[in-house]
Amino acid sequence: MIDTQYKIKSKKFDIFPLINSVIMILFVIITLYPVLNTLAISLNDGTDALRGGIYLWPRKFTWKNYTTVLHKDNLITGAYITVARTLIGTLLSLAANAILAFIVSRKRFLFQREVSLFWVITMYVNGGLIPTFLLYKGLGLTNSFWVYVIPGMVSAFNMLVIRTYMNGIPDSLEESAQLDGAGYSTIFLKIYSPLCKPVYATVALFVAVGQWNSWFDAMLYNRMSSNLTTLQYELMKLLSSVTNQGTSAEAMKNAAGTVTPTSVRAAATIITMLPIICIYPFLQKYFVAGLTLGGVKE
């Protein structure tokens, strides 16, 4: 009798992993389908793609969509600038936000709540586009590479995320280090920073994705400087030019092979997202830990 009841309970218990696995598989399919569909369209002949019916595999394989994108003028220059702004901007932004978060998270810091409230207000209120442009122009940031880096170095959201994580670190670590004669610089570099690797990786991923996908600042501040263009801005101009040519198959064939705005857009999308997809798996464990452990309080 006992064995029978145990077997019944075991069967009921085994149902949940099965349902959970099915739900996760469906979730993966729903998540991956748009990416795979975009990849299939980017590898398919443009005029053939207009017929529809392309799902996970190209019907008429071609590289013309990618050659159209990669032969765009200033694309290589834009790629160099985008990589540079992503690396430099991410490092400087992470350093600035980490230092500010460490300062604000100190209980002895004067006006701690007032300064935090001031930064929160900046998340909802700004000076507007024209005053911002005039400010950057007055500071000499227009027609300059540093307009991509300096304005975004300090982010209220990223700073508050790091500060919340630092508040979860026991104060006893800092007190024991101070008893040994360590200053705040040593505490920050040798105690807090190693413990904050998960949240650092999370914020770095946020900043890197924002820097990589940004194109509006290039159009607004460096539009007349072709040597300071970015990859996203060049791809945006390419999509605009292809779209303005119309969707006529003959026009598209004469312009850049058998491509259409839809196929070129799909190829540009894949090129844009590929670096982030390659980087994300290496930061995934830190990304998840940074978002969850920061909210744990003892």
Protein backbone atom coordinates (compact mmCIF):
# COMPACT_ATOMS: atom_id res chain seq x y z
CA MET A 1 0.00 0.00 0.00
CA ILE A 2 2.82 2.36 0.92
CA ASP A 3 4.70 1.53 -2.29
CA THR A 4 1.58 2.23 -4.35
CA GLN A 5 1.06 5.64 -2.72
CA TYR A 6 4.75 6.47 -3.22
CA LYS A 7 4.55 5.60 -6.92
CA ILE A 8 1.43 7.77 -7.35
CA LYS A 9 3.17 10.73 -5.65
CA SER A 10 6.27 10.19 -7.78
CA LYS A 11 4.20 10.27 -10.97
CA LYS A 12 2.50 13.50 -9.88
CA PHE A 13 5.86 15.03 -9.02
CA ASP A 14 7.35 14.17 -12.42
CA ILE A 15 4.62 16.10 -14.25
CA PHE A 16 5.99 19.53 -13.34
CA PRO A 17 9.46 19.10 -14.97
CA LEU A 18 7.71 17.87 -18.12
CA ILE A 19 5.33 20.85 -18.27
CA ASN A 20 8.16 23.21 -17.41
CA SER A 21 10.33 21.80 -20.20
CA VAL A 22 7.51 22.13 -22.74
CA ILE A 23 6.87 25.74 -21.74
CA MET A 24 10.57 26.58 -21.94
CA ILE A 25 10.88 24.98 -25.38
CA LEU A 26 7.88 26.96 -26.62
CA PHE A 27 9.38 30.13 -25.15
CA VAL A 28 12.70 29.48 -26.91
CA ILE A 29 10.89 28.88 -30.22
CA ILE A 30 8.87 32.09 -29.86
CA THR A 31 12.02 34.02 -28.99
CA LEU A 32 14.24 32.62 -31.73
CA TYR A 33 11.72 32.59 -34.57
CA PRO A 34 11.92 36.36 -35.37
CA VAL A 35 15.73 36.18 -35.45
CA LEU A 36 15.81 33.08 -37.65
CA ASN A 37 13.14 34.53 -39.93
CA THR A 38 15.11 37.76 -40.33
CA LEU A 39 18.24 35.72 -41.09
CA ALA A 40 16.38 33.71 -43.73
CA ILE A 41 15.06 36.86 -45.42
CA SER A 42 18.52 38.44 -45.38
CA LEU A 43 19.93 35.39 -47.20
CA ASN A 44 17.10 35.24 -49.72
CA ASP A 45 16.75 37.03 -53.05
CA GLY A 46 14.94 40.32 -52.47
CA THR A 47 12.35 40.11 -55.23
CA ASP A 48 11.67 36.47 -54.39
CA ALA A 49 11.13 37.42 -50.73
CA LEU A 50 8.29 39.75 -51.80
CA ARG A 51 6.23 36.67 -52.61
CA GLY A 52 6.24 35.73 -48.92
CA GLY A 53 6.30 32.23 -47.55
CA ILE A 54 9.85 32.47 -46.11
CA TYR A 55 10.02 31.25 -42.53
CA LEU A 56 13.20 29.57 -41.28
CA TRP A 57 15.11 28.81 -44.48
CA PRO A 58 15.84 30.97 -47.57
CA ARG A 59 14.06 29.85 -50.70
CA LYS A 60 16.49 31.46 -53.17
CA PHE A 61 19.89 31.81 -51.49
CA THR A 62 22.02 34.89 -52.21
CA TRP A 63 24.66 37.10 -50.57
CA LYS A 64 23.58 40.22 -52.49
CA ASN A 65 21.78 41.75 -49.52
CA TYR A 66 24.96 41.62 -47.44
CA THR A 67 27.19 42.84 -50.27
CA THR A 68 24.83 45.79 -50.75
CA VAL A 69 25.17 46.70 -47.08
CA LEU A 70 28.92 46.07 -46.82
CA HIS A 71 29.72 48.10 -49.96
CA LYS A 72 28.14 51.20 -48.46
CA ASP A 73 30.47 54.20 -48.43
CA ASN A 74 32.07 55.04 -45.05
CA LEU A 75 30.83 51.77 -43.58
CA ILE A 76 34.34 50.70 -42.51
CA THR A 77 34.99 54.12 -40.95
CA GLY A 78 31.65 53.92 -39.18
CA ALA A 79 32.51 50.45 -37.87
CA TYR A 80 35.83 51.71 -36.44
CA ILE A 81 34.14 54.67 -34.75
CA THR A 82 31.35 52.48 -33.38
CA VAL A 83 33.78 49.95 -31.91
CA ALA A 84 35.89 52.76 -30.42
CA ARG A 85 32.93 54.54 -28.86
CA THR A 86 31.57 51.26 -27.51
CA LEU A 87 34.85 50.27 -25.83
CA ILE A 88 35.88 53.71 -24.56
CA GLY A 89 32.36 54.77 -23.64
CA THR A 90 31.66 51.56 -21.73
CA LEU A 91 34.90 51.69 -19.72
CA LEU A 92 34.60 55.38 -18.83
CA SER A 93 30.90 55.13 -18.03
CA LEU A 94 31.41 52.08 -15.83
CA ALA A 95 34.26 53.75 -13.95
CA ALA A 96 32.35 57.01 -13.42
CA ASN A 97 29.12 55.34 -12.30
CA ALA A 98 30.95 52.91 -10.01
CA ILE A 99 32.84 55.72 -8.25
CA LEU A 100 29.69 57.82 -7.84
CA ALA A 101 27.73 54.82 -6.58
CA PHE A 102 30.42 54.02 -4.02
CA ILE A 103 30.41 57.60 -2.75
CA VAL A 104 26.62 57.82 -2.49
CA SER A 105 26.36 54.42 -0.82
CA ARG A 106 28.57 55.56 2.09
CA LYS A 107 26.45 56.17 5.19
CA ARG A 108 28.75 59.01 6.26
CA PHE A 109 28.25 60.88 3.00
CA LEU A 110 26.59 64.24 3.66
CA PHE A 111 23.26 64.88 1.89
CA GLN A 112 23.09 61.28 0.72
CA ARG A 113 19.33 61.25 0.15
CA GLU A 114 19.25 64.72 -1.39
CA VAL A 115 21.93 63.89 -3.95
CA SER A 116 20.22 60.60 -4.82
CA LEU A 117 16.91 62.42 -5.27
CA PHE A 118 18.61 64.95 -7.54
CA TRP A 119 19.88 62.15 -9.79
CA VAL A 120 16.46 60.49 -9.84
CA ILE A 121 14.88 63.75 -11.04
CA THR A 122 17.27 63.87 -13.99
CA MET A 123 15.82 60.55 -15.17
CA TYR A 124 12.46 62.22 -15.82
CA VAL A 125 13.34 65.83 -16.64
CA ASN A 126 15.83 67.19 -19.17
CA GLY A 127 16.59 70.51 -20.80
CA GLY A 128 15.29 69.60 -24.24
CA LEU A 129 16.95 68.96 -27.58
CA ILE A 130 17.81 72.52 -28.60
CA PRO A 131 19.31 73.62 -25.25
CA THR A 132 21.31 70.39 -25.16
CA PHE A 133 22.63 71.00 -28.67
CA LEU A 134 23.61 74.58 -27.79
CA LEU A 135 25.33 73.35 -24.62
CA TYR A 136 27.36 70.75 -26.49
CA LYS A 137 28.27 73.30 -29.13
CA GLY A 138 29.41 75.75 -26.46
CA LEU A 139 31.53 73.06 -24.86
CA GLY A 140 33.14 72.22 -28.19
CA LEU A 141 31.71 68.70 -28.32
CA THR A 142 30.08 69.02 -31.73
CA ASN A 143 32.10 67.66 -34.65
CA SER A 144 34.10 65.70 -32.08
CA PHE A 145 34.44 62.05 -31.14
CA TRP A 146 33.96 62.85 -27.46
CA VAL A 147 30.33 63.81 -27.96
CA TYR A 148 29.73 60.06 -28.09
CA VAL A 149 31.44 59.43 -24.76
CA ILE A 150 31.34 62.37 -22.32
CA PRO A 151 27.56 63.12 -22.22
CA GLY A 152 26.75 59.50 -21.43
CA MET A 153 29.46 58.88 -18.85
CA VAL A 154 27.12 59.45 -15.90
CA SER A 155 23.76 57.70 -15.93
CA ALA A 156 21.39 58.04 -12.99
CA PHE A 157 19.84 54.64 -13.64
CA ASN A 158 23.16 52.80 -13.88
CA MET A 159 24.53 54.61 -10.85
CA LEU A 160 21.48 53.67 -8.76
CA VAL A 161 21.72 50.03 -9.88
CA ILE A 162 25.34 49.84 -8.72
CA ARG A 163 24.56 51.72 -5.50
CA THR A 164 21.73 49.29 -4.68
CA TYR A 165 24.11 46.39 -5.14
CA MET A 166 26.79 48.02 -2.98
CA ASN A 167 24.26 48.64 -0.21
CA GLY A 168 23.85 44.87 0.03
CA ILE A 169 27.53 44.36 0.88
CA PRO A 170 28.05 44.00 4.66
CA ASP A 171 29.46 47.09 6.39
CA SER A 172 31.72 44.86 8.45
CA LEU A 173 34.03 44.41 5.44
CA GLU A 174 34.60 48.14 5.21
CA GLU A 175 35.02 48.53 8.97
CA SER A 176 37.57 45.72 9.20
CA ALA A 177 39.53 47.23 6.32
CA GLN A 178 39.55 50.64 7.99
CA LEU A 179 40.86 49.06 11.19
CA ASP A 180 43.78 47.76 9.14
CA GLY A 181 44.49 51.27 7.88
CA ALA A 182 42.87 51.03 4.43
CA GLY A 183 41.53 54.20 2.87
CA TYR A 184 38.43 54.59 0.74
CA SER A 185 40.40 54.14 -2.49
CA THR A 186 41.75 50.81 -1.31
CA ILE A 187 38.34 49.72 -0.04
CA PHE A 188 36.75 50.58 -3.37
CA LEU A 189 39.40 48.94 -5.56
CA LYS A 190 40.27 45.85 -3.52
CA ILE A 191 37.08 45.04 -1.61
CA TYR A 192 33.99 46.45 -3.29
CA SER A 193 34.99 46.21 -6.95
CA PRO A 194 35.81 42.46 -6.86
CA LEU A 195 32.48 41.81 -5.13
CA CYS A 196 30.61 43.97 -7.65
CA LYS A 197 31.69 42.09 -10.77
CA PRO A 198 28.12 40.85 -11.50
CA VAL A 199 26.56 44.31 -11.40
CA TYR A 200 29.54 45.79 -13.26
CA ALA A 201 29.00 43.28 -16.05
CA THR A 202 25.29 44.08 -16.11
CA VAL A 203 25.84 47.83 -16.37
CA ALA A 204 28.63 47.33 -18.91
CA LEU A 205 26.24 45.33 -21.09
CA PHE A 206 23.58 48.05 -20.81
CA VAL A 207 26.05 50.77 -21.80
CA ALA A 208 27.69 48.74 -24.57
CA VAL A 209 24.36 47.92 -26.22
CA GLY A 210 23.31 51.57 -26.01
CA GLN A 211 26.59 52.76 -27.52
CA TRP A 212 26.55 50.15 -30.27
CA ASN A 213 22.97 50.90 -31.35
CA SER A 214 23.17 54.68 -31.09
CA TRP A 215 22.94 56.69 -34.32
CA PHE A 216 20.90 59.80 -33.47
CA ASP A 217 23.84 61.60 -31.84
CA ALA A 218 25.96 61.03 -34.97
CA MET A 219 23.25 62.56 -37.14
CA LEU A 220 22.69 65.47 -34.77
CA TYR A 221 26.22 66.47 -33.75
CA ASN A 222 28.60 64.99 -36.37
CA ARG A 223 26.49 64.97 -39.49
CA MET A 224 28.98 67.06 -41.48
CA SER A 225 32.02 65.01 -40.39
CA SER A 226 32.23 61.85 -42.49
CA ASN A 227 35.28 60.67 -40.53
CA LEU A 228 33.19 60.63 -37.32
CA THR A 229 30.21 58.71 -38.65
CA THR A 230 28.99 55.54 -36.96
CA LEU A 231 27.95 52.15 -38.26
CA GLN A 232 24.33 52.54 -37.23
CA TYR A 233 24.06 55.97 -38.86
CA GLU A 234 25.46 54.64 -42.13
CA LEU A 235 23.05 51.69 -42.07
CA MET A 236 20.18 54.05 -41.35
CA LYS A 237 21.13 56.18 -44.37
CA LEU A 238 21.38 53.04 -46.50
CA LEU A 239 17.90 51.91 -45.49
CA SER A 240 16.51 55.37 -46.22
CA SER A 241 18.13 55.52 -49.64
CA VAL A 242 16.96 52.02 -50.60
CA THR A 243 13.43 52.75 -49.39
CA ASN A 244 13.27 56.01 -51.34
CA GLN A 245 14.14 54.14 -54.53
CA GLY A 246 10.79 52.39 -54.38
CA THR A 247 9.88 48.74 -54.33
CA SER A 248 9.90 48.16 -58.06
CA ALA A 249 11.75 44.95 -58.85
CA GLU A 250 13.38 46.44 -61.93
CA ALA A 251 14.52 49.56 -60.05
CA MET A 252 15.99 47.44 -57.29
CA LYS A 253 17.72 45.18 -59.78
CA ASN A 254 19.37 48.10 -61.52
CA ALA A 255 20.33 49.81 -58.28
CA ALA A 256 22.00 47.03 -56.33
CA GLY A 257 21.15 43.64 -57.69
CA THR A 258 17.88 41.91 -56.82
CA VAL A 259 17.41 43.48 -53.41
CA THR A 260 14.47 45.20 -51.76
CA PRO A 261 14.11 47.47 -48.71
CA THR A 262 12.87 44.46 -46.73
CA SER A 263 15.84 42.25 -47.62
CA VAL A 264 18.39 45.03 -47.06
CA ARG A 265 16.77 45.89 -43.73
CA ALA A 266 17.01 42.24 -42.68
CA ALA A 267 20.71 42.08 -43.62
CA ALA A 268 21.43 45.34 -41.78
CA THR A 269 19.59 44.01 -38.72
CA ILE A 270 21.67 40.82 -38.64
CA ILE A 271 24.93 42.77 -39.04
CA THR A 272 23.89 45.12 -36.24
CA MET A 273 22.90 42.47 -33.73
CA LEU A 274 25.67 39.94 -34.46
CA PRO A 275 28.39 41.44 -32.16
CA ILE A 276 25.98 41.73 -29.22
CA ILE A 277 24.82 38.13 -29.70
CA CYS A 278 28.46 36.98 -29.67
CA ILE A 279 29.28 38.91 -26.49
CA TYR A 280 26.14 38.20 -24.47
CA PRO A 281 26.77 34.48 -23.71
CA PHE A 282 30.05 35.37 -21.96
CA LEU A 283 28.30 37.94 -19.73
CA GLN A 284 25.05 36.06 -19.17
CA LYS A 285 25.92 34.61 -15.76
CA TYR A 286 27.03 38.02 -14.49
CA PHE A 287 23.99 39.65 -16.07
CA VAL A 288 21.53 37.38 -14.25
CA ALA A 289 23.42 37.62 -10.94
CA GLY A 290 23.65 41.40 -11.16
CA LEU A 291 19.92 41.80 -11.62
CA THR A 292 18.88 39.36 -8.89
CA LEU A 293 21.48 39.58 -6.12
CA GLY A 294 21.31 43.36 -5.98
CA GLY A 295 17.80 43.17 -4.55
CA VAL A 296 18.60 40.65 -1.78
CA LYS A 297 18.73 42.12 1.70
CA GLU A 298 19.51 40.29 4.89
